[in-house]
């Protein structure tokens, strides 16, 4: 998971996406992987997939500290 975040923050979004996808293959209920993948898809211009993963993140971690920010991000995606 940290590898995906590190890659995302360093601008290697496509590589980060692959790391987050790999994490979800190991644990489909990983809230952090859904969040990271949502961010990566948004940065790559795929709003539908971004929204799908961000919504799943909120389902898995409804009380997350960044839940309000994620909801605002979803609104900006039109979801």
N, C-alpha and C. Protein backbone atom coordinates (compact mmCIF):
# COMPACT_ATOMS: atom_id res chain seq x y z
N UNK A 1 0.81 -1.19 0.00
CA UNK A 1 0.00 0.00 0.00
C UNK A 1 0.86 1.26 0.00
N UNK A 2 1.90 1.22 0.81
CA UNK A 2 2.79 2.39 0.88
C UNK A 2 3.47 2.63 -0.46
N UNK A 3 3.78 1.54 -1.16
CA UNK A 3 4.40 1.70 -2.48
C UNK A 3 3.48 2.45 -3.42
N UNK A 4 2.20 2.11 -3.40
CA UNK A 4 1.24 2.80 -4.25
C UNK A 4 1.14 4.27 -3.91
N UNK A 5 1.09 4.58 -2.64
CA UNK A 5 1.01 5.98 -2.21
C UNK A 5 2.28 6.73 -2.61
N UNK A 6 3.42 6.10 -2.41
CA UNK A 6 4.69 6.74 -2.77
C UNK A 6 4.76 7.02 -4.27
N UNK A 7 4.33 6.05 -5.06
CA UNK A 7 4.34 6.22 -6.51
C UNK A 7 3.37 7.32 -6.93
N UNK A 8 2.19 7.33 -6.32
CA UNK A 8 1.20 8.36 -6.64
C UNK A 8 1.74 9.75 -6.33
N UNK A 9 2.31 9.89 -5.15
CA UNK A 9 2.84 11.20 -4.74
C UNK A 9 4.03 11.65 -5.57
N UNK A 10 4.75 10.70 -6.14
CA UNK A 10 5.89 11.07 -6.98
C UNK A 10 5.50 11.27 -8.45
N UNK A 11 4.19 11.20 -8.72
CA UNK A 11 3.72 11.48 -10.08
C UNK A 11 3.66 10.27 -10.99
N UNK A 12 3.92 9.10 -10.46
CA UNK A 12 3.89 7.87 -11.26
C UNK A 12 2.52 7.21 -11.09
N UNK A 13 1.51 7.89 -11.60
CA UNK A 13 0.12 7.52 -11.35
C UNK A 13 -0.23 6.16 -11.92
N UNK A 14 0.22 5.85 -13.11
CA UNK A 14 -0.12 4.57 -13.71
C UNK A 14 0.49 3.41 -12.91
N UNK A 15 1.72 3.59 -12.46
CA UNK A 15 2.35 2.56 -11.65
C UNK A 15 1.64 2.43 -10.30
N UNK A 16 1.23 3.55 -9.73
CA UNK A 16 0.49 3.53 -8.46
C UNK A 16 -0.82 2.79 -8.64
N UNK A 17 -1.50 3.05 -9.75
CA UNK A 17 -2.77 2.36 -10.03
C UNK A 17 -2.57 0.86 -10.01
N UNK A 18 -1.50 0.39 -10.61
CA UNK A 18 -1.23 -1.05 -10.64
C UNK A 18 -0.97 -1.61 -9.25
N UNK A 19 -0.27 -0.85 -8.41
CA UNK A 19 -0.01 -1.30 -7.04
C UNK A 19 -1.32 -1.41 -6.25
N UNK A 20 -2.19 -0.39 -6.39
CA UNK A 20 -3.47 -0.42 -5.68
C UNK A 20 -4.35 -1.56 -6.19
N UNK A 21 -4.32 -1.80 -7.49
CA UNK A 21 -5.09 -2.92 -8.04
C UNK A 21 -4.57 -4.24 -7.47
N UNK A 22 -3.26 -4.37 -7.37
CA UNK A 22 -2.67 -5.58 -6.80
C UNK A 22 -3.07 -5.77 -5.35
N UNK A 23 -3.12 -4.68 -4.61
CA UNK A 23 -3.54 -4.75 -3.21
C UNK A 23 -4.98 -5.23 -3.11
N UNK A 24 -5.83 -4.79 -4.04
CA UNK A 24 -7.23 -5.21 -4.02
C UNK A 24 -7.40 -6.67 -4.42
N UNK A 25 -6.48 -7.19 -5.21
CA UNK A 25 -6.52 -8.62 -5.53
C UNK A 25 -6.25 -9.46 -4.28
N UNK A 26 -5.41 -8.93 -3.40
CA UNK A 26 -5.10 -9.63 -2.15
C UNK A 26 -6.19 -9.44 -1.11
N UNK A 27 -6.81 -8.25 -1.10
CA UNK A 27 -7.86 -7.95 -0.12
C UNK A 27 -8.84 -6.95 -0.74
N UNK A 28 -9.94 -7.45 -1.24
CA UNK A 28 -10.91 -6.60 -1.93
C UNK A 28 -11.62 -5.63 -0.98
N UNK A 29 -11.43 -5.82 0.32
CA UNK A 29 -12.05 -4.94 1.31
C UNK A 29 -11.07 -3.91 1.87
N UNK A 30 -9.96 -3.72 1.21
CA UNK A 30 -8.97 -2.75 1.66
C UNK A 30 -9.45 -1.33 1.33
N UNK A 31 -9.90 -0.63 2.36
CA UNK A 31 -10.40 0.73 2.17
C UNK A 31 -9.30 1.62 1.59
N UNK A 32 -8.09 1.48 2.11
CA UNK A 32 -6.98 2.32 1.65
C UNK A 32 -6.68 2.10 0.17
N UNK A 33 -6.76 0.87 -0.29
CA UNK A 33 -6.50 0.58 -1.70
C UNK A 33 -7.60 1.18 -2.58
N UNK A 34 -8.84 1.12 -2.12
CA UNK A 34 -9.93 1.74 -2.89
C UNK A 34 -9.75 3.25 -2.95
N UNK A 35 -9.35 3.85 -1.85
CA UNK A 35 -9.11 5.29 -1.83
C UNK A 35 -7.99 5.66 -2.81
N UNK A 36 -6.88 4.96 -2.71
CA UNK A 36 -5.75 5.24 -3.59
C UNK A 36 -6.09 5.04 -5.04
N UNK A 37 -6.82 3.98 -5.33
CA UNK A 37 -7.20 3.70 -6.71
C UNK A 37 -8.16 4.77 -7.22
N UNK A 38 -9.06 5.22 -6.35
CA UNK A 38 -9.96 6.31 -6.74
C UNK A 38 -9.19 7.57 -7.10
N UNK A 39 -8.21 7.92 -6.28
CA UNK A 39 -7.40 9.10 -6.57
C UNK A 39 -6.64 8.93 -7.88
N UNK A 40 -6.07 7.74 -8.09
CA UNK A 40 -5.30 7.49 -9.30
C UNK A 40 -6.19 7.59 -10.54
N UNK A 41 -7.36 6.95 -10.48
CA UNK A 41 -8.26 7.03 -11.64
C UNK A 41 -8.69 8.47 -11.90
N UNK A 42 -8.93 9.24 -10.86
CA UNK A 42 -9.32 10.63 -11.07
C UNK A 42 -8.19 11.39 -11.77
N UNK A 43 -6.98 11.19 -11.31
CA UNK A 43 -5.83 11.88 -11.91
C UNK A 43 -5.62 11.44 -13.36
N UNK A 44 -5.98 10.19 -13.66
CA UNK A 44 -5.83 9.69 -15.02
C UNK A 44 -7.02 10.06 -15.91
N UNK A 45 -8.01 10.73 -15.33
CA UNK A 45 -9.14 11.22 -16.12
C UNK A 45 -10.31 10.27 -16.24
N UNK A 46 -10.35 9.22 -15.45
CA UNK A 46 -11.46 8.28 -15.49
C UNK A 46 -12.36 8.51 -14.28
N UNK A 47 -13.26 9.49 -14.41
CA UNK A 47 -14.11 9.88 -13.30
C UNK A 47 -15.06 8.80 -12.83
N UNK A 48 -15.55 7.98 -13.76
CA UNK A 48 -16.49 6.92 -13.38
C UNK A 48 -15.82 5.89 -12.48
N UNK A 49 -14.63 5.44 -12.86
CA UNK A 49 -13.92 4.46 -12.04
C UNK A 49 -13.45 5.09 -10.73
N UNK A 50 -13.06 6.36 -10.79
CA UNK A 50 -12.65 7.06 -9.57
C UNK A 50 -13.80 7.08 -8.58
N UNK A 51 -14.98 7.45 -9.06
CA UNK A 51 -16.15 7.52 -8.19
C UNK A 51 -16.50 6.15 -7.62
N UNK A 52 -16.41 5.13 -8.44
CA UNK A 52 -16.72 3.77 -7.98
C UNK A 52 -15.84 3.38 -6.79
N UNK A 53 -14.55 3.64 -6.89
CA UNK A 53 -13.63 3.25 -5.83
C UNK A 53 -13.74 4.17 -4.61
N UNK A 54 -13.99 5.44 -4.82
CA UNK A 54 -14.16 6.34 -3.69
C UNK A 54 -15.44 6.04 -2.92
N UNK A 55 -16.49 5.67 -3.64
CA UNK A 55 -17.73 5.28 -2.97
C UNK A 55 -17.52 4.01 -2.16
N UNK A 56 -16.77 3.08 -2.71
CA UNK A 56 -16.48 1.83 -1.98
C UNK A 56 -15.65 2.14 -0.74
N UNK A 57 -14.71 3.06 -0.86
CA UNK A 57 -13.91 3.49 0.29
C UNK A 57 -14.83 3.97 1.41
N UNK A 58 -15.80 4.82 1.07
CA UNK A 58 -16.71 5.34 2.08
C UNK A 58 -17.58 4.25 2.69
N UNK A 59 -17.94 3.26 1.90
CA UNK A 59 -18.72 2.13 2.43
C UNK A 59 -17.90 1.34 3.45
N UNK A 60 -16.62 1.16 3.16
CA UNK A 60 -15.75 0.37 4.03
C UNK A 60 -15.25 1.16 5.24
N UNK A 61 -15.15 2.48 5.09
CA UNK A 61 -14.62 3.33 6.17
C UNK A 61 -15.49 4.58 6.33
N UNK A 62 -16.76 4.41 6.70
CA UNK A 62 -17.67 5.56 6.77
C UNK A 62 -17.26 6.61 7.78
N UNK A 63 -16.51 6.23 8.79
CA UNK A 63 -16.08 7.19 9.81
C UNK A 63 -14.67 7.71 9.60
N UNK A 64 -14.13 7.53 8.41
CA UNK A 64 -12.76 7.98 8.14
C UNK A 64 -12.65 9.49 8.33
N UNK A 65 -11.48 9.92 8.78
CA UNK A 65 -11.25 11.36 9.02
C UNK A 65 -11.43 12.19 7.77
N UNK A 66 -11.17 11.60 6.61
CA UNK A 66 -11.27 12.36 5.36
C UNK A 66 -12.59 12.12 4.63
N UNK A 67 -13.58 11.54 5.31
CA UNK A 67 -14.85 11.20 4.66
C UNK A 67 -15.51 12.43 4.03
N UNK A 68 -15.49 13.55 4.72
CA UNK A 68 -16.11 14.77 4.16
C UNK A 68 -15.38 15.22 2.90
N UNK A 69 -14.06 15.12 2.92
CA UNK A 69 -13.28 15.49 1.73
C UNK A 69 -13.57 14.55 0.56
N UNK A 70 -13.73 13.28 0.86
CA UNK A 70 -14.01 12.30 -0.19
C UNK A 70 -15.40 12.55 -0.77
N UNK A 71 -16.36 12.88 0.09
CA UNK A 71 -17.72 13.20 -0.41
C UNK A 71 -17.67 14.42 -1.31
N UNK A 72 -16.89 15.42 -0.94
CA UNK A 72 -16.74 16.61 -1.78
C UNK A 72 -16.09 16.25 -3.12
N UNK A 73 -15.13 15.37 -3.08
CA UNK A 73 -14.47 14.91 -4.31
C UNK A 73 -15.48 14.19 -5.20
N UNK A 74 -16.32 13.37 -4.59
CA UNK A 74 -17.36 12.66 -5.36
C UNK A 74 -18.33 13.67 -6.00
N UNK A 75 -18.68 14.70 -5.26
CA UNK A 75 -19.55 15.74 -5.83
C UNK A 75 -18.90 16.39 -7.03
N UNK A 76 -17.60 16.65 -6.93
CA UNK A 76 -16.90 17.27 -8.06
C UNK A 76 -16.86 16.34 -9.28
N UNK A 77 -17.00 15.04 -9.03
CA UNK A 77 -17.05 14.06 -10.11
C UNK A 77 -18.47 13.87 -10.63
N UNK A 78 -19.42 14.55 -9.98
CA UNK A 78 -20.82 14.44 -10.40
C UNK A 78 -21.51 13.22 -9.86
N UNK A 79 -21.04 12.68 -8.76
CA UNK A 79 -21.64 11.47 -8.17
C UNK A 79 -22.26 11.78 -6.82
